[in-house]
Amino acid sequence: FDCPLKCDTWSLVKEIAGASLLAAETLIKGESDVVINWYGGWHHGQRDSASGFCYVNDVVLCIQKLCQKYEKILYIDMDVHHGDGVENAFLFSSKVMTVSFHQFEPGFFPGSGKLTDVGMGKGKHYSVNVPYKSGINDSQFCFLFKNIINEVMKIFVPSAIVCQCGADILSKDPLGEANVSLEGYMNCVKLVLGLRKPLVLLGGGKIINTFL
């Protein structure tokens, strides 16, 4: 029910996926150090199904493309919802580390991303989940984000980064329950930019009635 089909759905999917693939290709060719697809970041899409307003997982396609050149990819997810589709895609991989900061409470979509979910097989400990309660504020979120990302950078040492900048972490978002300001949000994005790695910035959670 959250992924209704319309006559232009296929065109929308191609545009979003194509833009994220182009972003990855731009990094691979060395044409830019930072590439942005602000309409991308559809992180709930699964291998065989749409989910959570996400008809395609452009994030996974982008990361897979980047793997053609970069040995280790770090995926950072700021969206208020768990990046379940991306985590599932790389659950067994040690070449892609996924780090998701998200609200985790009974009844809150998608209901996954526990602290103890750390990956499987060769990918064990390459999935990092940072669940928090509703109402998290700037100081709390930025503290978690800064310390965890800095530690991950030291341990994993990625060669490229993909960051999903879901804006539904902002206060007053109709589907989120966080209390992060635009300033706090931007401070976290600036931290990622300051890591000075080849970087793809994607959008994510936003007011959905702008495109449905």
C-alpha atoms as a PDB file:
ATOM      1  CA  PHE A   1       0.000   0.000   0.000  1.00  0.00           C
ATOM      2  CA  ASP A   2       2.980   2.340   0.425  1.00  0.00           C
ATOM      3  CA  CYS A   3       4.207   1.841  -3.162  1.00  0.00           C
ATOM      4  CA  PRO A   4       1.208   2.491  -5.453  1.00  0.00           C
ATOM      5  CA  LEU A   5       1.743   2.034  -9.177  1.00  0.00           C
ATOM      6  CA  LYS A   6       1.059   4.955 -11.493  1.00  0.00           C
ATOM      7  CA  CYS A   7       1.504   5.377 -15.221  1.00  0.00           C
ATOM      8  CA  ASP A   8       4.813   7.203 -14.776  1.00  0.00           C
ATOM      9  CA  THR A   9       6.309   4.900 -12.117  1.00  0.00           C
ATOM     10  CA  TRP A  10       8.726   3.208 -14.519  1.00  0.00           C
ATOM     11  CA  SER A  11      10.014   6.552 -15.800  1.00  0.00           C
ATOM     12  CA  LEU A  12      10.507   7.722 -12.220  1.00  0.00           C
ATOM     13  CA  VAL A  13      12.432   4.568 -11.319  1.00  0.00           C
ATOM     14  CA  LYS A  14      14.710   4.900 -14.352  1.00  0.00           C
ATOM     15  CA  GLU A  15      15.456   8.549 -13.614  1.00  0.00           C
ATOM     16  CA  ILE A  16      16.318   7.975  -9.953  1.00  0.00           C
ATOM     17  CA  ALA A  17      18.377   4.830 -10.524  1.00  0.00           C
ATOM     18  CA  GLY A  18      20.068   6.325 -13.564  1.00  0.00           C
ATOM     19  CA  ALA A  19      21.053   9.466 -11.686  1.00  0.00           C
ATOM     20  CA  SER A  20      22.666   7.485  -8.860  1.00  0.00           C
ATOM     21  CA  LEU A  21      24.510   5.271 -11.346  1.00  0.00           C
ATOM     22  CA  LEU A  22      25.718   8.403 -13.133  1.00  0.00           C
ATOM     23  CA  ALA A  23      26.889   9.810  -9.794  1.00  0.00           C
ATOM     24  CA  ALA A  24      28.972   6.680  -9.197  1.00  0.00           C
ATOM     25  CA  GLU A  25      30.351   6.787 -12.734  1.00  0.00           C
ATOM     26  CA  THR A  26      31.359  10.425 -12.263  1.00  0.00           C
ATOM     27  CA  LEU A  27      33.418   9.477  -9.203  1.00  0.00           C
ATOM     28  CA  ILE A  28      34.961   6.506 -10.975  1.00  0.00           C
ATOM     29  CA  LYS A  29      36.068   8.696 -13.878  1.00  0.00           C
ATOM     30  CA  GLY A  30      37.559  11.221 -11.463  1.00  0.00           C
ATOM     31  CA  GLU A  31      35.422  14.040 -12.837  1.00  0.00           C
ATOM     32  CA  SER A  32      34.477  15.194  -9.331  1.00  0.00           C
ATOM     33  CA  ASP A  33      35.252  14.411  -5.695  1.00  0.00           C
ATOM     34  CA  VAL A  34      31.652  14.940  -4.547  1.00  0.00           C
ATOM     35  CA  VAL A  35      28.519  14.096  -6.545  1.00  0.00           C
ATOM     36  CA  ILE A  36      24.945  14.775  -5.422  1.00  0.00           C
ATOM     37  CA  ASN A  37      21.663  13.105  -6.375  1.00  0.00           C
ATOM     38  CA  TRP A  38      19.313  14.788  -3.957  1.00  0.00           C
ATOM     39  CA  TYR A  39      16.344  12.811  -5.283  1.00  0.00           C
ATOM     40  CA  GLY A  40      18.079   9.479  -4.673  1.00  0.00           C
ATOM     41  CA  GLY A  41      18.522   7.541  -1.454  1.00  0.00           C
ATOM     42  CA  TRP A  42      15.629   5.080  -1.798  1.00  0.00           C
ATOM     43  CA  HIS A  43      17.057   2.775   0.809  1.00  0.00           C
ATOM     44  CA  HIS A  44      14.057   0.529   1.600  1.00  0.00           C
ATOM     45  CA  GLY A  45      13.797  -1.148  -1.799  1.00  0.00           C
ATOM     46  CA  GLN A  46      14.508  -4.876  -1.655  1.00  0.00           C
ATOM     47  CA  ARG A  47      15.981  -7.188  -4.256  1.00  0.00           C
ATOM     48  CA  ASP A  48      12.583  -8.560  -5.244  1.00  0.00           C
ATOM     49  CA  SER A  49      10.106  -5.945  -4.033  1.00  0.00           C
ATOM     50  CA  ALA A  50       9.345  -2.283  -3.516  1.00  0.00           C
ATOM     51  CA  SER A  51       9.032  -1.106   0.075  1.00  0.00           C
ATOM     52  CA  GLY A  52       8.555   2.042   2.107  1.00  0.00           C
ATOM     53  CA  PHE A  53       7.848   4.361  -0.858  1.00  0.00           C
ATOM     54  CA  CYS A  54      11.005   3.006  -2.534  1.00  0.00           C
ATOM     55  CA  TYR A  55      10.355   1.421  -5.941  1.00  0.00           C
ATOM     56  CA  VAL A  56      14.047   0.792  -6.592  1.00  0.00           C
ATOM     57  CA  ASN A  57      17.122   0.784  -4.379  1.00  0.00           C
ATOM     58  CA  ASP A  58      19.308   3.269  -6.199  1.00  0.00           C
ATOM     59  CA  VAL A  59      21.704   3.251  -3.229  1.00  0.00           C
ATOM     60  CA  VAL A  60      22.603  -0.396  -3.792  1.00  0.00           C
ATOM     61  CA  LEU A  61      23.039   0.170  -7.529  1.00  0.00           C
ATOM     62  CA  CYS A  62      25.316   3.126  -6.819  1.00  0.00           C
ATOM     63  CA  ILE A  63      27.460   1.153  -4.367  1.00  0.00           C
ATOM     64  CA  GLN A  64      27.705  -1.825  -6.715  1.00  0.00           C
ATOM     65  CA  LYS A  65      28.903   0.503  -9.467  1.00  0.00           C
ATOM     66  CA  LEU A  66      31.496   2.091  -7.166  1.00  0.00           C
ATOM     67  CA  CYS A  67      32.826  -1.366  -6.282  1.00  0.00           C
ATOM     68  CA  GLN A  68      34.170  -1.575  -9.842  1.00  0.00           C
ATOM     69  CA  LYS A  69      36.914   0.842  -8.780  1.00  0.00           C
ATOM     70  CA  TYR A  70      36.906   1.263  -5.012  1.00  0.00           C
ATOM     71  CA  GLU A  71      37.941  -1.614  -2.781  1.00  0.00           C
ATOM     72  CA  LYS A  72      36.047  -0.560   0.351  1.00  0.00           C
ATOM     73  CA  ILE A  73      32.832   1.461   0.439  1.00  0.00           C
ATOM     74  CA  LEU A  74      31.355   3.069   3.542  1.00  0.00           C
ATOM     75  CA  TYR A  75      27.596   3.643   3.491  1.00  0.00           C
ATOM     76  CA  ILE A  76      26.223   6.164   6.000  1.00  0.00           C
ATOM     77  CA  ASP A  77      22.461   6.457   6.514  1.00  0.00           C
ATOM     78  CA  MET A  78      21.091   9.540   8.323  1.00  0.00           C
ATOM     79  CA  ASP A  79      17.419   8.841   7.551  1.00  0.00           C
ATOM     80  CA  VAL A  80      15.129   8.495  10.575  1.00  0.00           C
ATOM     81  CA  HIS A  81      14.172   5.033   9.246  1.00  0.00           C
ATOM     82  CA  HIS A  82      16.546   2.068   9.173  1.00  0.00           C
ATOM     83  CA  GLY A  83      18.298   1.555   5.845  1.00  0.00           C
ATOM     84  CA  ASP A  84      17.121  -2.044   5.677  1.00  0.00           C
ATOM     85  CA  GLY A  85      17.333  -2.541   1.915  1.00  0.00           C
ATOM     86  CA  VAL A  86      20.977  -1.488   1.739  1.00  0.00           C
ATOM     87  CA  GLU A  87      21.959  -3.502   4.800  1.00  0.00           C
ATOM     88  CA  ASN A  88      20.248  -6.605   3.416  1.00  0.00           C
ATOM     89  CA  ALA A  89      22.029  -6.234   0.072  1.00  0.00           C
ATOM     90  CA  PHE A  90      25.483  -6.240   1.672  1.00  0.00           C
ATOM     91  CA  LEU A  91      24.756  -8.364   4.730  1.00  0.00           C
ATOM     92  CA  PHE A  92      27.443 -10.908   3.809  1.00  0.00           C
ATOM     93  CA  SER A  93      30.008  -8.472   2.406  1.00  0.00           C
ATOM     94  CA  SER A  94      33.208  -7.259   4.043  1.00  0.00           C
ATOM     95  CA  LYS A  95      33.828  -4.750   1.237  1.00  0.00           C
ATOM     96  CA  VAL A  96      30.849  -2.567   2.115  1.00  0.00           C
ATOM     97  CA  MET A  97      30.266  -1.317   5.649  1.00  0.00           C
ATOM     98  CA  THR A  98      26.778   0.018   6.350  1.00  0.00           C
ATOM     99  CA  VAL A  99      26.194   2.440   9.232  1.00  0.00           C
ATOM    100  CA  SER A 100      22.574   3.360   9.915  1.00  0.00           C
ATOM    101  CA  PHE A 101      21.364   5.919  12.481  1.00  0.00           C
ATOM    102  CA  HIS A 102      17.625   5.486  12.947  1.00  0.00           C
ATOM    103  CA  GLN A 103      14.651   5.566  15.276  1.00  0.00           C
ATOM    104  CA  PHE A 104      13.876   2.123  16.660  1.00  0.00           C
ATOM    105  CA  GLU A 105      10.680   1.640  18.647  1.00  0.00           C
ATOM    106  CA  PRO A 106       7.647  -0.683  18.526  1.00  0.00           C
ATOM    107  CA  GLY A 107       5.471   0.115  15.521  1.00  0.00           C
ATOM    108  CA  PHE A 108       8.007   2.385  13.829  1.00  0.00           C
ATOM    109  CA  PHE A 109       8.819   1.404  10.229  1.00  0.00           C
ATOM    110  CA  PRO A 110      10.557  -0.820   9.199  1.00  0.00           C
ATOM    111  CA  GLY A 111      11.080  -2.367  12.643  1.00  0.00           C
ATOM    112  CA  SER A 112      14.619  -3.576  11.917  1.00  0.00           C
ATOM    113  CA  GLY A 113      18.126  -2.398  12.717  1.00  0.00           C
ATOM    114  CA  LYS A 114      18.754  -3.553  16.261  1.00  0.00           C
ATOM    115  CA  LEU A 115      22.071  -2.768  17.917  1.00  0.00           C
ATOM    116  CA  THR A 116      22.870  -6.486  17.802  1.00  0.00           C
ATOM    117  CA  ASP A 117      22.334  -6.741  14.020  1.00  0.00           C
ATOM    118  CA  VAL A 118      25.949  -6.712  12.848  1.00  0.00           C
ATOM    119  CA  GLY A 119      25.985  -8.623   9.561  1.00  0.00           C
ATOM    120  CA  MET A 120      26.502 -12.290   8.723  1.00  0.00           C
ATOM    121  CA  GLY A 121      29.207 -14.595   7.397  1.00  0.00           C
ATOM    122  CA  LYS A 122      32.108 -12.629   5.931  1.00  0.00           C
ATOM    123  CA  GLY A 123      30.054  -9.508   6.573  1.00  0.00           C
ATOM    124  CA  LYS A 124      29.838 -10.005  10.314  1.00  0.00           C
ATOM    125  CA  HIS A 125      30.655  -6.723  12.085  1.00  0.00           C
ATOM    126  CA  TYR A 126      30.356  -4.810   8.798  1.00  0.00           C
ATOM    127  CA  SER A 127      26.784  -3.739   9.561  1.00  0.00           C
ATOM    128  CA  VAL A 128      26.603  -1.042  12.225  1.00  0.00           C
ATOM    129  CA  ASN A 129      23.206  -0.060  13.596  1.00  0.00           C
ATOM    130  CA  VAL A 130      22.701   2.947  15.853  1.00  0.00           C
ATOM    131  CA  PRO A 131      19.082   2.857  17.068  1.00  0.00           C
ATOM    132  CA  TYR A 132      17.668   5.731  19.102  1.00  0.00           C
ATOM    133  CA  LYS A 133      14.373   6.756  20.696  1.00  0.00           C
ATOM    134  CA  SER A 134      11.938   9.371  19.423  1.00  0.00           C
ATOM    135  CA  GLY A 135      12.718  12.977  20.259  1.00  0.00           C
ATOM    136  CA  ILE A 136      16.488  12.760  19.781  1.00  0.00           C
ATOM    137  CA  ASN A 137      17.908  16.299  19.605  1.00  0.00           C
ATOM    138  CA  ASP A 138      20.890  18.018  18.007  1.00  0.00           C
ATOM    139  CA  SER A 139      23.412  17.450  20.762  1.00  0.00           C
ATOM    140  CA  GLN A 140      22.491  13.773  21.151  1.00  0.00           C
ATOM    141  CA  PHE A 141      22.429  12.959  17.443  1.00  0.00           C
ATOM    142  CA  CYS A 142      25.565  14.926  16.560  1.00  0.00           C
ATOM    143  CA  PHE A 143      27.456  13.329  19.458  1.00  0.00           C
ATOM    144  CA  LEU A 144      26.548   9.841  18.254  1.00  0.00           C
ATOM    145  CA  PHE A 145      27.212  10.667  14.624  1.00  0.00           C
ATOM    146  CA  LYS A 146      30.599  12.307  15.126  1.00  0.00           C
ATOM    147  CA  ASN A 147      32.030   9.689  17.464  1.00  0.00           C
ATOM    148  CA  ILE A 148      30.771   6.634  15.592  1.00  0.00           C
ATOM    149  CA  ILE A 149      31.719   7.866  12.119  1.00  0.00           C
ATOM    150  CA  ASN A 150      35.197   8.910  13.261  1.00  0.00           C
ATOM    151  CA  GLU A 151      35.735   5.487  14.839  1.00  0.00           C
ATOM    152  CA  VAL A 152      34.456   3.678  11.748  1.00  0.00           C
ATOM    153  CA  MET A 153      36.830   5.696   9.573  1.00  0.00           C
ATOM    154  CA  LYS A 154      39.792   4.605  11.702  1.00  0.00           C
ATOM    155  CA  ILE A 155      38.846   0.933  11.704  1.00  0.00           C
ATOM    156  CA  PHE A 156      37.393   0.405   8.221  1.00  0.00           C
ATOM    157  CA  VAL A 157      39.419   3.023   6.270  1.00  0.00           C
ATOM    158  CA  PRO A 158      37.074   3.257   3.263  1.00  0.00           C
ATOM    159  CA  SER A 159      38.226   4.293  -0.182  1.00  0.00           C
ATOM    160  CA  ALA A 160      34.865   5.941  -1.008  1.00  0.00           C
ATOM    161  CA  ILE A 161      31.689   6.949   0.824  1.00  0.00           C
ATOM    162  CA  VAL A 162      27.984   7.000   0.001  1.00  0.00           C
ATOM    163  CA  CYS A 163      25.856   9.048   2.410  1.00  0.00           C
ATOM    164  CA  GLN A 164      22.061   8.975   2.457  1.00  0.00           C
ATOM    165  CA  CYS A 165      20.976  12.328   3.922  1.00  0.00           C
ATOM    166  CA  GLY A 166      17.357  11.557   4.781  1.00  0.00           C
ATOM    167  CA  ALA A 167      15.727  14.850   5.758  1.00  0.00           C
ATOM    168  CA  ASP A 168      12.971  13.138   7.751  1.00  0.00           C
ATOM    169  CA  ILE A 169      15.254  13.320  10.785  1.00  0.00           C
ATOM    170  CA  LEU A 170      14.371  17.019  10.957  1.00  0.00           C
ATOM    171  CA  SER A 171      11.856  18.141  13.562  1.00  0.00           C
ATOM    172  CA  LYS A 172       8.219  18.402  12.437  1.00  0.00           C
ATOM    173  CA  ASP A 173       8.663  15.868   9.633  1.00  0.00           C
ATOM    174  CA  PRO A 174       5.238  14.212   9.188  1.00  0.00           C
ATOM    175  CA  LEU A 175       6.622  10.656   9.302  1.00  0.00           C
ATOM    176  CA  GLY A 176       9.582  11.073  11.649  1.00  0.00           C
ATOM    177  CA  GLU A 177       9.681  11.642  15.389  1.00  0.00           C
ATOM    178  CA  ALA A 178      13.174  13.090  15.767  1.00  0.00           C
ATOM    179  CA  ASN A 179      13.883  16.627  16.934  1.00  0.00           C
ATOM    180  CA  VAL A 180      16.993  17.543  14.956  1.00  0.00           C
ATOM    181  CA  SER A 181      17.338  21.075  13.583  1.00  0.00           C
ATOM    182  CA  LEU A 182      18.582  22.025  10.127  1.00  0.00           C
ATOM    183  CA  GLU A 183      21.784  23.288  11.742  1.00  0.00           C
ATOM    184  CA  GLY A 184      22.414  19.965  13.495  1.00  0.00           C
ATOM    185  CA  TYR A 185      21.636  18.073  10.296  1.00  0.00           C
ATOM    186  CA  MET A 186      24.031  20.204   8.254  1.00  0.00           C
ATOM    187  CA  ASN A 187      26.787  19.826  10.853  1.00  0.00           C
ATOM    188  CA  CYS A 188      26.670  16.071  10.266  1.00  0.00           C
ATOM    189  CA  VAL A 189      26.741  16.501   6.484  1.00  0.00           C
ATOM    190  CA  LYS A 190      29.722  18.858   6.851  1.00  0.00           C
ATOM    191  CA  LEU A 191      31.504  16.216   8.923  1.00  0.00           C
ATOM    192  CA  VAL A 192      31.083  13.711   6.089  1.00  0.00           C
ATOM    193  CA  LEU A 193      32.348  16.245   3.550  1.00  0.00           C
ATOM    194  CA  GLY A 194      35.344  16.869   5.799  1.00  0.00           C
ATOM    195  CA  LEU A 195      36.387  13.215   5.615  1.00  0.00           C
ATOM    196  CA  ARG A 196      37.821  14.045   2.179  1.00  0.00           C
ATOM    197  CA  LYS A 197      36.954  10.784   0.467  1.00  0.00           C
ATOM    198  CA  PRO A 198      35.306  10.348  -2.934  1.00  0.00           C
ATOM    199  CA  LEU A 199      31.691  10.934  -1.952  1.00  0.00           C
ATOM    200  CA  VAL A 200      28.172  10.450  -3.279  1.00  0.00           C
ATOM    201  CA  LEU A 201      25.497  12.378  -1.381  1.00  0.00           C
ATOM    202  CA  LEU A 202      21.952  11.093  -1.777  1.00  0.00           C
ATOM    203  CA  GLY A 203      18.644  12.421  -0.520  1.00  0.00           C
ATOM    204  CA  GLY A 204      16.172  10.154   1.216  1.00  0.00           C
ATOM    205  CA  GLY A 205      13.258  10.618   3.583  1.00  0.00           C
ATOM    206  CA  LYS A 206      11.217  13.684   2.704  1.00  0.00           C
ATOM    207  CA  ILE A 207       7.597  14.751   2.395  1.00  0.00           C
ATOM    208  CA  ILE A 208       6.391  12.056   0.026  1.00  0.00           C
ATOM    209  CA  ASN A 209       3.314  13.708  -1.487  1.00  0.00           C
ATOM    210  CA  THR A 210       5.582  15.791  -3.703  1.00  0.00           C
ATOM    211  CA  PHE A 211       5.979  12.860  -6.095  1.00  0.00           C
ATOM    212  CA  LEU A 212       3.178  10.349  -5.439  1.00  0.00           C
END
